[in-house]
């Protein structure tokens, strides 16, 4: 089965490369248009401080978006990413307060997040549950574990050593390490999705799982490891957040899954599987970040912000559904 080496989509869909390019170009145009409008609406929008805040904000979420995008391509979804981010923070922070070296504690938090991904992957591929139900249960269970560990009280981690805090707060020649880590993750997984044979199986599985199975691909293995990858990247994001804020709050990340899924779908990842790009997803999270920043600068109520984000997600899903109907005709 041939694959388009640029987009990673199966070569039998000749319009996908053009469609993906158009979608990404459209997102860039929308982002630029919003920036131009906001430059007139608020004098604080086109400032170095505001752009730095936006970059810092969507860089860490962007790491999670990468994992979610790959999972959506394979035909899955993970509603537990916000809880897993929080779990990684809480577990790593708790171990640090118990006297464990922060780097070792962080590694433990990331590995524990991967274990959560393994458990979800087991229920999806072996037990036979779908990703939605499995991740919904995981979201509630993991959040409960966070509350049990902390007893509902935020953990103060201001005694973290400067070398560790530098991960979330430091800079390299003026560029925050957070942004460099984010760019590294994006480049790595964008390259793998486009070029690596193992990641091409993700597209095959999401496009037509039965055909992929008949062609010799172990689709259950693909879905399992992609589920683990998404949870692991969520764990990495949790450690970065802990380093950045010097705290671990048991309610952190509540509702994060909305932003993550919305960004991936806005960027072109289909809820039906089989399509999506890392670049598109990053443009999606960038768009949401610009929208959020704009609403804050315009002093829009936080309640309206949630409603607006929900409407954006609904519009993105509707467009995705429409495009798939057109493709099926």
C-alpha atoms as a PDB file:
ATOM      1  CA  UNK A   1       0.000   0.000   0.000  1.00  0.00           C
ATOM      2  CA  UNK A   2       1.605   3.280  -1.143  1.00  0.00           C
ATOM      3  CA  UNK A   3       1.735   6.376   1.002  1.00  0.00           C
ATOM      4  CA  UNK A   4       2.016  10.056   0.197  1.00  0.00           C
ATOM      5  CA  UNK A   5       5.458  10.811   1.630  1.00  0.00           C
ATOM      6  CA  UNK A   6       4.650  14.475   2.200  1.00  0.00           C
ATOM      7  CA  UNK A   7       1.449  14.245   4.194  1.00  0.00           C
ATOM      8  CA  UNK A   8       1.620  10.657   5.378  1.00  0.00           C
ATOM      9  CA  UNK A   9      -1.844   9.945   3.948  1.00  0.00           C
ATOM     10  CA  UNK A  10      -2.494   6.873   1.804  1.00  0.00           C
ATOM     11  CA  UNK A  11      -1.665   7.588  -1.828  1.00  0.00           C
ATOM     12  CA  UNK A  12      -5.085   6.345  -3.007  1.00  0.00           C
ATOM     13  CA  UNK A  13      -6.578   9.620  -1.682  1.00  0.00           C
ATOM     14  CA  UNK A  14      -5.143  12.091  -4.260  1.00  0.00           C
ATOM     15  CA  UNK A  15      -6.959  15.131  -2.878  1.00  0.00           C
ATOM     16  CA  UNK A  16      -5.738  14.761   0.707  1.00  0.00           C
ATOM     17  CA  UNK A  17      -2.407  16.506   0.232  1.00  0.00           C
ATOM     18  CA  UNK A  18      -4.063  19.476  -1.439  1.00  0.00           C
ATOM     19  CA  UNK A  19      -6.872  19.531   1.145  1.00  0.00           C
ATOM     20  CA  UNK A  20      -4.430  19.416   4.070  1.00  0.00           C
ATOM     21  CA  UNK A  21      -2.365  22.228   2.557  1.00  0.00           C
ATOM     22  CA  UNK A  22      -5.493  24.336   1.986  1.00  0.00           C
ATOM     23  CA  UNK A  23      -6.664  23.750   5.531  1.00  0.00           C
ATOM     24  CA  UNK A  24      -3.324  24.730   7.040  1.00  0.00           C
ATOM     25  CA  UNK A  25      -3.083  27.781   4.793  1.00  0.00           C
ATOM     26  CA  UNK A  26      -6.601  28.735   5.839  1.00  0.00           C
ATOM     27  CA  UNK A  27      -5.675  28.463   9.516  1.00  0.00           C
ATOM     28  CA  UNK A  28      -2.621  30.663   8.992  1.00  0.00           C
ATOM     29  CA  UNK A  29      -4.820  33.242   7.249  1.00  0.00           C
ATOM     30  CA  UNK A  30      -7.369  33.179  10.098  1.00  0.00           C
ATOM     31  CA  UNK A  31      -4.632  33.565  12.738  1.00  0.00           C
ATOM     32  CA  UNK A  32      -3.086  36.498  10.867  1.00  0.00           C
ATOM     33  CA  UNK A  33      -6.496  38.126  10.408  1.00  0.00           C
ATOM     34  CA  UNK A  34      -7.245  37.798  14.135  1.00  0.00           C
ATOM     35  CA  UNK A  35      -3.867  39.296  14.998  1.00  0.00           C
ATOM     36  CA  UNK A  36      -4.495  42.266  12.705  1.00  0.00           C
ATOM     37  CA  UNK A  37      -7.960  42.881  14.172  1.00  0.00           C
ATOM     38  CA  UNK A  38      -6.673  42.572  17.742  1.00  0.00           C
ATOM     39  CA  UNK A  39      -3.816  44.967  17.037  1.00  0.00           C
ATOM     40  CA  UNK A  40      -6.479  47.655  16.591  1.00  0.00           C
ATOM     41  CA  UNK A  41      -8.773  46.384  19.353  1.00  0.00           C
ATOM     42  CA  UNK A  42      -6.101  46.249  22.076  1.00  0.00           C
ATOM     43  CA  UNK A  43      -2.815  48.082  22.373  1.00  0.00           C
ATOM     44  CA  UNK A  44      -1.473  45.240  24.520  1.00  0.00           C
ATOM     45  CA  UNK A  45      -1.913  42.490  21.916  1.00  0.00           C
ATOM     46  CA  UNK A  46       1.109  43.206  19.712  1.00  0.00           C
ATOM     47  CA  UNK A  47       3.563  43.242  22.590  1.00  0.00           C
ATOM     48  CA  UNK A  48       6.507  40.969  23.247  1.00  0.00           C
ATOM     49  CA  UNK A  49       5.100  40.039  26.652  1.00  0.00           C
ATOM     50  CA  UNK A  50       1.748  38.950  25.233  1.00  0.00           C
ATOM     51  CA  UNK A  51       3.272  36.885  22.426  1.00  0.00           C
ATOM     52  CA  UNK A  52       5.681  35.270  24.858  1.00  0.00           C
ATOM     53  CA  UNK A  53       2.761  34.384  27.159  1.00  0.00           C
ATOM     54  CA  UNK A  54       0.823  32.857  24.240  1.00  0.00           C
ATOM     55  CA  UNK A  55       3.839  30.855  23.094  1.00  0.00           C
ATOM     56  CA  UNK A  56       4.513  29.575  26.598  1.00  0.00           C
ATOM     57  CA  UNK A  57       0.853  28.696  27.014  1.00  0.00           C
ATOM     58  CA  UNK A  58       0.342  26.677  23.852  1.00  0.00           C
ATOM     59  CA  UNK A  59       3.837  25.163  23.802  1.00  0.00           C
ATOM     60  CA  UNK A  60       3.156  22.805  26.713  1.00  0.00           C
ATOM     61  CA  UNK A  61      -0.387  22.025  25.566  1.00  0.00           C
ATOM     62  CA  UNK A  62       1.081  21.532  22.101  1.00  0.00           C
ATOM     63  CA  UNK A  63       3.103  18.564  23.357  1.00  0.00           C
ATOM     64  CA  UNK A  64      -0.160  16.894  24.403  1.00  0.00           C
ATOM     65  CA  UNK A  65      -1.789  17.882  21.096  1.00  0.00           C
ATOM     66  CA  UNK A  66       0.903  15.951  19.216  1.00  0.00           C
ATOM     67  CA  UNK A  67      -0.041  12.751  21.059  1.00  0.00           C
ATOM     68  CA  UNK A  68      -3.773  13.394  20.653  1.00  0.00           C
ATOM     69  CA  UNK A  69      -3.392  14.008  16.913  1.00  0.00           C
ATOM     70  CA  UNK A  70      -1.610  10.691  16.359  1.00  0.00           C
ATOM     71  CA  UNK A  71      -4.273   8.932  18.444  1.00  0.00           C
ATOM     72  CA  UNK A  72      -7.073  10.561  16.419  1.00  0.00           C
ATOM     73  CA  UNK A  73      -5.371   9.466  13.198  1.00  0.00           C
ATOM     74  CA  UNK A  74      -5.451   5.862  14.357  1.00  0.00           C
ATOM     75  CA  UNK A  75      -9.165   6.239  15.112  1.00  0.00           C
ATOM     76  CA  UNK A  76      -9.017   6.720  18.891  1.00  0.00           C
ATOM     77  CA  UNK A  77      -9.544   9.562  21.332  1.00  0.00           C
ATOM     78  CA  UNK A  78      -8.315  10.269  24.860  1.00  0.00           C
ATOM     79  CA  UNK A  79     -10.491  12.231  27.287  1.00  0.00           C
ATOM     80  CA  UNK A  80      -8.079  11.629  30.158  1.00  0.00           C
ATOM     81  CA  UNK A  81      -5.163  13.799  28.991  1.00  0.00           C
ATOM     82  CA  UNK A  82      -5.919  16.603  31.460  1.00  0.00           C
ATOM     83  CA  UNK A  83      -6.104  14.152  34.344  1.00  0.00           C
ATOM     84  CA  UNK A  84      -2.881  12.414  33.277  1.00  0.00           C
ATOM     85  CA  UNK A  85      -1.061  15.767  33.065  1.00  0.00           C
ATOM     86  CA  UNK A  86      -2.235  16.499  36.608  1.00  0.00           C
ATOM     87  CA  UNK A  87      -1.303  12.986  37.779  1.00  0.00           C
ATOM     88  CA  UNK A  88       2.233  13.363  36.469  1.00  0.00           C
ATOM     89  CA  UNK A  89       2.577  16.674  38.322  1.00  0.00           C
ATOM     90  CA  UNK A  90       1.112  15.349  41.561  1.00  0.00           C
ATOM     91  CA  UNK A  91       3.067  12.083  41.631  1.00  0.00           C
ATOM     92  CA  UNK A  92       6.373  13.747  40.730  1.00  0.00           C
ATOM     93  CA  UNK A  93       5.762  16.527  43.247  1.00  0.00           C
ATOM     94  CA  UNK A  94       4.822  14.109  46.005  1.00  0.00           C
ATOM     95  CA  UNK A  95       7.937  12.003  45.423  1.00  0.00           C
ATOM     96  CA  UNK A  96      10.078  15.151  45.506  1.00  0.00           C
ATOM     97  CA  UNK A  97       8.563  16.197  48.843  1.00  0.00           C
ATOM     98  CA  UNK A  98       9.373  12.701  50.129  1.00  0.00           C
ATOM     99  CA  UNK A  99      13.039  13.328  49.390  1.00  0.00           C
ATOM    100  CA  UNK A 100      13.412  11.870  45.898  1.00  0.00           C
ATOM    101  CA  UNK A 101      15.633  13.736  43.438  1.00  0.00           C
ATOM    102  CA  UNK A 102      13.348  15.891  41.191  1.00  0.00           C
ATOM    103  CA  UNK A 103      14.722  14.363  37.985  1.00  0.00           C
ATOM    104  CA  UNK A 104      14.108  10.832  39.244  1.00  0.00           C
ATOM    105  CA  UNK A 105      10.683  11.864  40.553  1.00  0.00           C
ATOM    106  CA  UNK A 106       9.827  13.352  37.153  1.00  0.00           C
ATOM    107  CA  UNK A 107      10.927  10.197  35.353  1.00  0.00           C
ATOM    108  CA  UNK A 108       8.697   8.205  37.700  1.00  0.00           C
ATOM    109  CA  UNK A 109       5.782  10.513  36.896  1.00  0.00           C
ATOM    110  CA  UNK A 110       6.289  10.086  33.153  1.00  0.00           C
ATOM    111  CA  UNK A 111       6.647   6.304  33.430  1.00  0.00           C
ATOM    112  CA  UNK A 112       3.519   6.118  35.598  1.00  0.00           C
ATOM    113  CA  UNK A 113       1.669   8.106  32.935  1.00  0.00           C
ATOM    114  CA  UNK A 114       2.872   5.579  30.350  1.00  0.00           C
ATOM    115  CA  UNK A 115       1.518   2.790  32.568  1.00  0.00           C
ATOM    116  CA  UNK A 116      -1.890   4.494  32.535  1.00  0.00           C
ATOM    117  CA  UNK A 117      -1.639   4.476  28.745  1.00  0.00           C
ATOM    118  CA  UNK A 118      -0.800   0.755  28.850  1.00  0.00           C
ATOM    119  CA  UNK A 119      -3.853   0.054  30.981  1.00  0.00           C
ATOM    120  CA  UNK A 120      -6.116   1.999  28.619  1.00  0.00           C
ATOM    121  CA  UNK A 121      -4.505   0.267  25.643  1.00  0.00           C
ATOM    122  CA  UNK A 122      -5.175  -3.115  27.255  1.00  0.00           C
ATOM    123  CA  UNK A 123      -8.883  -2.383  27.720  1.00  0.00           C
ATOM    124  CA  UNK A 124      -9.151  -1.111  24.151  1.00  0.00           C
ATOM    125  CA  UNK A 125      -7.196  -3.839  22.335  1.00  0.00           C
ATOM    126  CA  UNK A 126      -7.702  -6.895  24.554  1.00  0.00           C
ATOM    127  CA  UNK A 127     -10.996  -6.363  26.377  1.00  0.00           C
ATOM    128  CA  UNK A 128     -12.508  -4.686  23.335  1.00  0.00           C
ATOM    129  CA  UNK A 129     -13.816  -1.411  24.789  1.00  0.00           C
ATOM    130  CA  UNK A 130     -13.677   1.730  22.662  1.00  0.00           C
ATOM    131  CA  UNK A 131     -11.322   4.601  23.352  1.00  0.00           C
ATOM    132  CA  UNK A 132     -14.085   6.992  24.352  1.00  0.00           C
ATOM    133  CA  UNK A 133     -15.484   4.895  27.214  1.00  0.00           C
ATOM    134  CA  UNK A 134     -12.055   3.708  28.350  1.00  0.00           C
ATOM    135  CA  UNK A 135     -10.548   7.193  28.481  1.00  0.00           C
ATOM    136  CA  UNK A 136     -13.681   8.621  30.119  1.00  0.00           C
ATOM    137  CA  UNK A 137     -13.327   6.092  32.943  1.00  0.00           C
ATOM    138  CA  UNK A 138      -9.579   6.791  33.135  1.00  0.00           C
ATOM    139  CA  UNK A 139     -10.251  10.525  33.358  1.00  0.00           C
ATOM    140  CA  UNK A 140     -12.397  10.063  36.467  1.00  0.00           C
ATOM    141  CA  UNK A 141     -10.189   7.409  38.089  1.00  0.00           C
ATOM    142  CA  UNK A 142      -6.907   9.262  37.560  1.00  0.00           C
ATOM    143  CA  UNK A 143      -8.398  12.527  38.812  1.00  0.00           C
ATOM    144  CA  UNK A 144      -9.546  10.644  41.904  1.00  0.00           C
ATOM    145  CA  UNK A 145      -6.016   9.305  42.419  1.00  0.00           C
ATOM    146  CA  UNK A 146      -4.692  12.875  42.264  1.00  0.00           C
ATOM    147  CA  UNK A 147      -7.117  13.909  44.998  1.00  0.00           C
ATOM    148  CA  UNK A 148      -6.198  10.883  47.121  1.00  0.00           C
ATOM    149  CA  UNK A 149      -2.457  11.573  46.844  1.00  0.00           C
ATOM    150  CA  UNK A 150      -2.796  15.251  47.736  1.00  0.00           C
ATOM    151  CA  UNK A 151      -5.872  14.940  49.993  1.00  0.00           C
ATOM    152  CA  UNK A 152      -7.273  17.752  47.904  1.00  0.00           C
ATOM    153  CA  UNK A 153      -4.529  20.184  48.931  1.00  0.00           C
ATOM    154  CA  UNK A 154      -2.161  21.833  46.394  1.00  0.00           C
ATOM    155  CA  UNK A 155       1.492  20.856  46.787  1.00  0.00           C
ATOM    156  CA  UNK A 156       3.955  23.733  47.189  1.00  0.00           C
ATOM    157  CA  UNK A 157       7.208  22.922  45.403  1.00  0.00           C
ATOM    158  CA  UNK A 158       9.105  26.184  45.711  1.00  0.00           C
ATOM    159  CA  UNK A 159      12.120  24.291  47.068  1.00  0.00           C
ATOM    160  CA  UNK A 160      12.745  22.699  43.669  1.00  0.00           C
ATOM    161  CA  UNK A 161      16.405  23.246  42.702  1.00  0.00           C
ATOM    162  CA  UNK A 162      17.139  26.004  40.148  1.00  0.00           C
ATOM    163  CA  UNK A 163      18.517  23.474  37.661  1.00  0.00           C
ATOM    164  CA  UNK A 164      15.124  21.761  37.536  1.00  0.00           C
ATOM    165  CA  UNK A 165      13.089  24.978  37.535  1.00  0.00           C
ATOM    166  CA  UNK A 166      15.101  26.049  34.502  1.00  0.00           C
ATOM    167  CA  UNK A 167      13.202  23.497  32.395  1.00  0.00           C
ATOM    168  CA  UNK A 168       9.979  25.441  32.788  1.00  0.00           C
ATOM    169  CA  UNK A 169      11.307  28.912  33.541  1.00  0.00           C
ATOM    170  CA  UNK A 170      14.790  29.164  32.016  1.00  0.00           C
ATOM    171  CA  UNK A 171      15.905  30.421  28.611  1.00  0.00           C
ATOM    172  CA  UNK A 172      18.577  29.603  26.058  1.00  0.00           C
ATOM    173  CA  UNK A 173      19.839  32.782  24.398  1.00  0.00           C
ATOM    174  CA  UNK A 174      16.526  34.407  25.249  1.00  0.00           C
ATOM    175  CA  UNK A 175      14.349  31.524  24.005  1.00  0.00           C
ATOM    176  CA  UNK A 176      12.472  29.654  26.787  1.00  0.00           C
ATOM    177  CA  UNK A 177      13.435  25.990  27.159  1.00  0.00           C
ATOM    178  CA  UNK A 178       9.719  25.146  27.084  1.00  0.00           C
ATOM    179  CA  UNK A 179       9.438  26.424  23.520  1.00  0.00           C
ATOM    180  CA  UNK A 180      12.610  24.581  22.465  1.00  0.00           C
ATOM    181  CA  UNK A 181      11.277  21.308  23.913  1.00  0.00           C
ATOM    182  CA  UNK A 182       7.957  21.870  22.152  1.00  0.00           C
ATOM    183  CA  UNK A 183       9.628  22.568  18.797  1.00  0.00           C
ATOM    184  CA  UNK A 184      11.801  19.464  19.230  1.00  0.00           C
ATOM    185  CA  UNK A 185       8.759  17.255  19.899  1.00  0.00           C
ATOM    186  CA  UNK A 186       6.892  18.718  16.911  1.00  0.00           C
ATOM    187  CA  UNK A 187       9.804  18.249  14.509  1.00  0.00           C
ATOM    188  CA  UNK A 188      10.466  14.697  15.715  1.00  0.00           C
ATOM    189  CA  UNK A 189       6.911  13.403  15.415  1.00  0.00           C
ATOM    190  CA  UNK A 190       6.148  15.339  12.237  1.00  0.00           C
ATOM    191  CA  UNK A 191       9.177  13.657  10.641  1.00  0.00           C
ATOM    192  CA  UNK A 192       8.159  10.239  11.970  1.00  0.00           C
ATOM    193  CA  UNK A 193       4.590  10.579  10.687  1.00  0.00           C
ATOM    194  CA  UNK A 194       5.849  11.575   7.250  1.00  0.00           C
ATOM    195  CA  UNK A 195       8.790   9.198   6.864  1.00  0.00           C
ATOM    196  CA  UNK A 196       8.848   6.341   9.383  1.00  0.00           C
ATOM    197  CA  UNK A 197       7.355   3.059   8.236  1.00  0.00           C
ATOM    198  CA  UNK A 198       6.072   2.244  11.716  1.00  0.00           C
ATOM    199  CA  UNK A 199       4.085   5.487  11.842  1.00  0.00           C
ATOM    200  CA  UNK A 200       2.630   4.951   8.375  1.00  0.00           C
ATOM    201  CA  UNK A 201       0.790   2.029   9.936  1.00  0.00           C
ATOM    202  CA  UNK A 202      -1.052   4.589  12.065  1.00  0.00           C
ATOM    203  CA  UNK A 203      -2.642   6.049   8.904  1.00  0.00           C
ATOM    204  CA  UNK A 204      -3.383   2.606   7.455  1.00  0.00           C
ATOM    205  CA  UNK A 205      -5.080   1.491  10.673  1.00  0.00           C
ATOM    206  CA  UNK A 206      -7.137   4.659  10.977  1.00  0.00           C
ATOM    207  CA  UNK A 207      -8.149   4.716   7.305  1.00  0.00           C
ATOM    208  CA  UNK A 208      -9.347   1.127   7.089  1.00  0.00           C
ATOM    209  CA  UNK A 209      -8.534  -1.141   9.997  1.00  0.00           C
ATOM    210  CA  UNK A 210      -9.838  -4.291   8.343  1.00  0.00           C
ATOM    211  CA  UNK A 211      -7.820  -3.735   5.168  1.00  0.00           C
ATOM    212  CA  UNK A 212      -4.742  -2.952   7.271  1.00  0.00           C
ATOM    213  CA  UNK A 213      -5.266  -6.168   9.215  1.00  0.00           C
ATOM    214  CA  UNK A 214      -5.570  -8.201   6.009  1.00  0.00           C
ATOM    215  CA  UNK A 215      -2.358  -6.614   4.699  1.00  0.00           C
ATOM    216  CA  UNK A 216      -0.448  -8.006   7.697  1.00  0.00           C
ATOM    217  CA  UNK A 217      -0.452  -5.011  10.039  1.00  0.00           C
ATOM    218  CA  UNK A 218      -1.029  -5.848  13.696  1.00  0.00           C
ATOM    219  CA  UNK A 219      -3.591  -3.104  14.196  1.00  0.00           C
ATOM    220  CA  UNK A 220      -4.122  -3.906  17.878  1.00  0.00           C
ATOM    221  CA  UNK A 221      -0.412  -3.282  18.515  1.00  0.00           C
ATOM    222  CA  UNK A 222      -0.576   0.019  16.636  1.00  0.00           C
ATOM    223  CA  UNK A 223      -3.566   1.229  18.657  1.00  0.00           C
ATOM    224  CA  UNK A 224      -1.997   0.062  21.912  1.00  0.00           C
ATOM    225  CA  UNK A 225       1.305   1.886  21.439  1.00  0.00           C
ATOM    226  CA  UNK A 226      -0.317   5.065  20.147  1.00  0.00           C
ATOM    227  CA  UNK A 227      -2.481   5.125  23.275  1.00  0.00           C
ATOM    228  CA  UNK A 228       0.649   4.735  25.395  1.00  0.00           C
ATOM    229  CA  UNK A 229       2.378   7.508  23.430  1.00  0.00           C
ATOM    230  CA  UNK A 230      -0.452   9.959  24.045  1.00  0.00           C
ATOM    231  CA  UNK A 231      -0.428   9.280  27.798  1.00  0.00           C
ATOM    232  CA  UNK A 232       3.382   9.506  27.930  1.00  0.00           C
ATOM    233  CA  UNK A 233       3.446  12.898  26.231  1.00  0.00           C
ATOM    234  CA  UNK A 234       0.781  14.044  28.696  1.00  0.00           C
ATOM    235  CA  UNK A 235       3.113  12.951  31.483  1.00  0.00           C
ATOM    236  CA  UNK A 236       5.964  14.955  29.952  1.00  0.00           C
ATOM    237  CA  UNK A 237       3.723  18.020  29.810  1.00  0.00           C
ATOM    238  CA  UNK A 238       2.814  17.522  33.477  1.00  0.00           C
ATOM    239  CA  UNK A 239       6.462  17.551  34.527  1.00  0.00           C
ATOM    240  CA  UNK A 240       7.091  20.734  32.533  1.00  0.00           C
ATOM    241  CA  UNK A 241       4.093  22.398  34.150  1.00  0.00           C
ATOM    242  CA  UNK A 242       5.397  21.396  37.592  1.00  0.00           C
ATOM    243  CA  UNK A 243       8.780  22.919  36.780  1.00  0.00           C
ATOM    244  CA  UNK A 244       7.182  26.058  35.397  1.00  0.00           C
ATOM    245  CA  UNK A 245       4.758  26.792  38.251  1.00  0.00           C
ATOM    246  CA  UNK A 246       6.629  25.214  41.181  1.00  0.00           C
ATOM    247  CA  UNK A 247       3.412  23.612  42.390  1.00  0.00           C
ATOM    248  CA  UNK A 248       1.104  20.657  41.812  1.00  0.00           C
ATOM    249  CA  UNK A 249      -2.626  21.259  42.109  1.00  0.00           C
ATOM    250  CA  UNK A 250      -4.987  18.235  42.130  1.00  0.00           C
ATOM    251  CA  UNK A 251      -7.549  20.081  39.993  1.00  0.00           C
ATOM    252  CA  UNK A 252      -5.051  21.216  37.355  1.00  0.00           C
ATOM    253  CA  UNK A 253      -5.882  20.294  33.761  1.00  0.00           C
ATOM    254  CA  UNK A 254      -9.643  20.005  34.271  1.00  0.00           C
ATOM    255  CA  UNK A 255     -11.195  20.720  30.874  1.00  0.00           C
ATOM    256  CA  UNK A 256      -7.833  20.619  29.092  1.00  0.00           C
ATOM    257  CA  UNK A 257      -9.082  17.780  26.898  1.00  0.00           C
ATOM    258  CA  UNK A 258     -11.528  20.233  25.263  1.00  0.00           C
ATOM    259  CA  UNK A 259      -8.688  22.480  24.064  1.00  0.00           C
ATOM    260  CA  UNK A 260      -6.547  19.524  22.994  1.00  0.00           C
ATOM    261  CA  UNK A 261      -9.240  17.758  20.966  1.00  0.00           C
ATOM    262  CA  UNK A 262     -10.500  21.031  19.495  1.00  0.00           C
ATOM    263  CA  UNK A 263      -6.984  21.989  18.367  1.00  0.00           C
ATOM    264  CA  UNK A 264      -6.373  18.622  16.705  1.00  0.00           C
ATOM    265  CA  UNK A 265      -9.738  18.600  14.918  1.00  0.00           C
ATOM    266  CA  UNK A 266      -9.447  22.246  13.843  1.00  0.00           C
ATOM    267  CA  UNK A 267      -6.045  21.321  12.401  1.00  0.00           C
ATOM    268  CA  UNK A 268      -7.528  18.572  10.262  1.00  0.00           C
ATOM    269  CA  UNK A 269      -7.366  15.405  12.396  1.00  0.00           C
ATOM    270  CA  UNK A 270     -10.551  13.460  11.771  1.00  0.00           C
ATOM    271  CA  UNK A 271     -12.663  11.929  14.526  1.00  0.00           C
ATOM    272  CA  UNK A 272     -13.233   9.079  12.085  1.00  0.00           C
ATOM    273  CA  UNK A 273      -9.504   8.369  11.844  1.00  0.00           C
ATOM    274  CA  UNK A 274      -7.126   8.156   8.933  1.00  0.00           C
ATOM    275  CA  UNK A 275      -6.191  11.816   8.496  1.00  0.00           C
ATOM    276  CA  UNK A 276      -4.362  14.586  10.296  1.00  0.00           C
ATOM    277  CA  UNK A 277      -1.023  16.411  10.437  1.00  0.00           C
ATOM    278  CA  UNK A 278       1.147  17.669  13.264  1.00  0.00           C
ATOM    279  CA  UNK A 279       1.478  21.085  11.612  1.00  0.00           C
ATOM    280  CA  UNK A 280      -2.291  21.418  11.313  1.00  0.00           C
ATOM    281  CA  UNK A 281      -2.795  20.505  14.967  1.00  0.00           C
ATOM    282  CA  UNK A 282      -0.174  23.042  16.090  1.00  0.00           C
ATOM    283  CA  UNK A 283      -1.887  25.724  14.018  1.00  0.00           C
ATOM    284  CA  UNK A 284      -5.119  24.681  15.714  1.00  0.00           C
ATOM    285  CA  UNK A 285      -3.698  25.149  19.218  1.00  0.00           C
ATOM    286  CA  UNK A 286      -2.124  28.436  18.096  1.00  0.00           C
ATOM    287  CA  UNK A 287      -5.520  29.654  16.882  1.00  0.00           C
ATOM    288  CA  UNK A 288      -7.158  28.752  20.191  1.00  0.00           C
ATOM    289  CA  UNK A 289      -4.345  30.485  22.058  1.00  0.00           C
ATOM    290  CA  UNK A 290      -4.854  33.675  20.030  1.00  0.00           C
ATOM    291  CA  UNK A 291      -8.617  33.488  20.628  1.00  0.00           C
ATOM    292  CA  UNK A 292      -8.117  33.005  24.381  1.00  0.00           C
ATOM    293  CA  UNK A 293      -5.636  35.868  24.595  1.00  0.00           C
ATOM    294  CA  UNK A 294      -7.980  38.100  22.618  1.00  0.00           C
ATOM    295  CA  UNK A 295     -10.940  37.322  24.868  1.00  0.00           C
ATOM    296  CA  UNK A 296      -8.872  38.066  27.970  1.00  0.00           C
ATOM    297  CA  UNK A 297      -7.589  41.365  26.586  1.00  0.00           C
ATOM    298  CA  UNK A 298     -11.138  42.325  25.610  1.00  0.00           C
ATOM    299  CA  UNK A 299     -12.220  41.543  29.178  1.00  0.00           C
ATOM    300  CA  UNK A 300     -14.724  38.879  28.115  1.00  0.00           C
ATOM    301  CA  UNK A 301     -16.142  36.837  31.009  1.00  0.00           C
ATOM    302  CA  UNK A 302     -14.494  33.456  31.578  1.00  0.00           C
ATOM    303  CA  UNK A 303     -17.926  31.825  31.245  1.00  0.00           C
ATOM    304  CA  UNK A 304     -18.318  33.238  27.755  1.00  0.00           C
ATOM    305  CA  UNK A 305     -14.816  32.050  26.933  1.00  0.00           C
ATOM    306  CA  UNK A 306     -15.758  28.434  27.589  1.00  0.00           C
ATOM    307  CA  UNK A 307     -18.907  28.793  25.500  1.00  0.00           C
ATOM    308  CA  UNK A 308     -16.979  30.315  22.597  1.00  0.00           C
ATOM    309  CA  UNK A 309     -14.377  27.538  22.689  1.00  0.00           C
ATOM    310  CA  UNK A 310     -17.186  24.967  22.688  1.00  0.00           C
ATOM    311  CA  UNK A 311     -18.737  26.633  19.634  1.00  0.00           C
ATOM    312  CA  UNK A 312     -15.365  26.560  17.862  1.00  0.00           C
ATOM    313  CA  UNK A 313     -15.052  22.823  18.592  1.00  0.00           C
ATOM    314  CA  UNK A 314     -18.614  22.197  17.323  1.00  0.00           C
ATOM    315  CA  UNK A 315     -17.855  24.129  14.136  1.00  0.00           C
ATOM    316  CA  UNK A 316     -14.614  22.171  13.590  1.00  0.00           C
ATOM    317  CA  UNK A 317     -16.369  18.808  14.056  1.00  0.00           C
ATOM    318  CA  UNK A 318     -19.186  19.893  11.732  1.00  0.00           C
ATOM    319  CA  UNK A 319     -16.692  20.891   9.025  1.00  0.00           C
ATOM    320  CA  UNK A 320     -14.889  17.550   9.470  1.00  0.00           C
ATOM    321  CA  UNK A 321     -18.199  15.692   9.101  1.00  0.00           C
ATOM    322  CA  UNK A 322     -19.103  17.701   6.003  1.00  0.00           C
ATOM    323  CA  UNK A 323     -15.748  17.012   4.359  1.00  0.00           C
ATOM    324  CA  UNK A 324     -16.091  13.284   4.972  1.00  0.00           C
ATOM    325  CA  UNK A 325     -19.601  13.283   3.507  1.00  0.00           C
ATOM    326  CA  UNK A 326     -18.278  15.028   0.385  1.00  0.00           C
ATOM    327  CA  UNK A 327     -15.453  12.478   0.180  1.00  0.00           C
ATOM    328  CA  UNK A 328     -17.908   9.580   0.415  1.00  0.00           C
ATOM    329  CA  UNK A 329     -20.070  10.874  -2.455  1.00  0.00           C
END
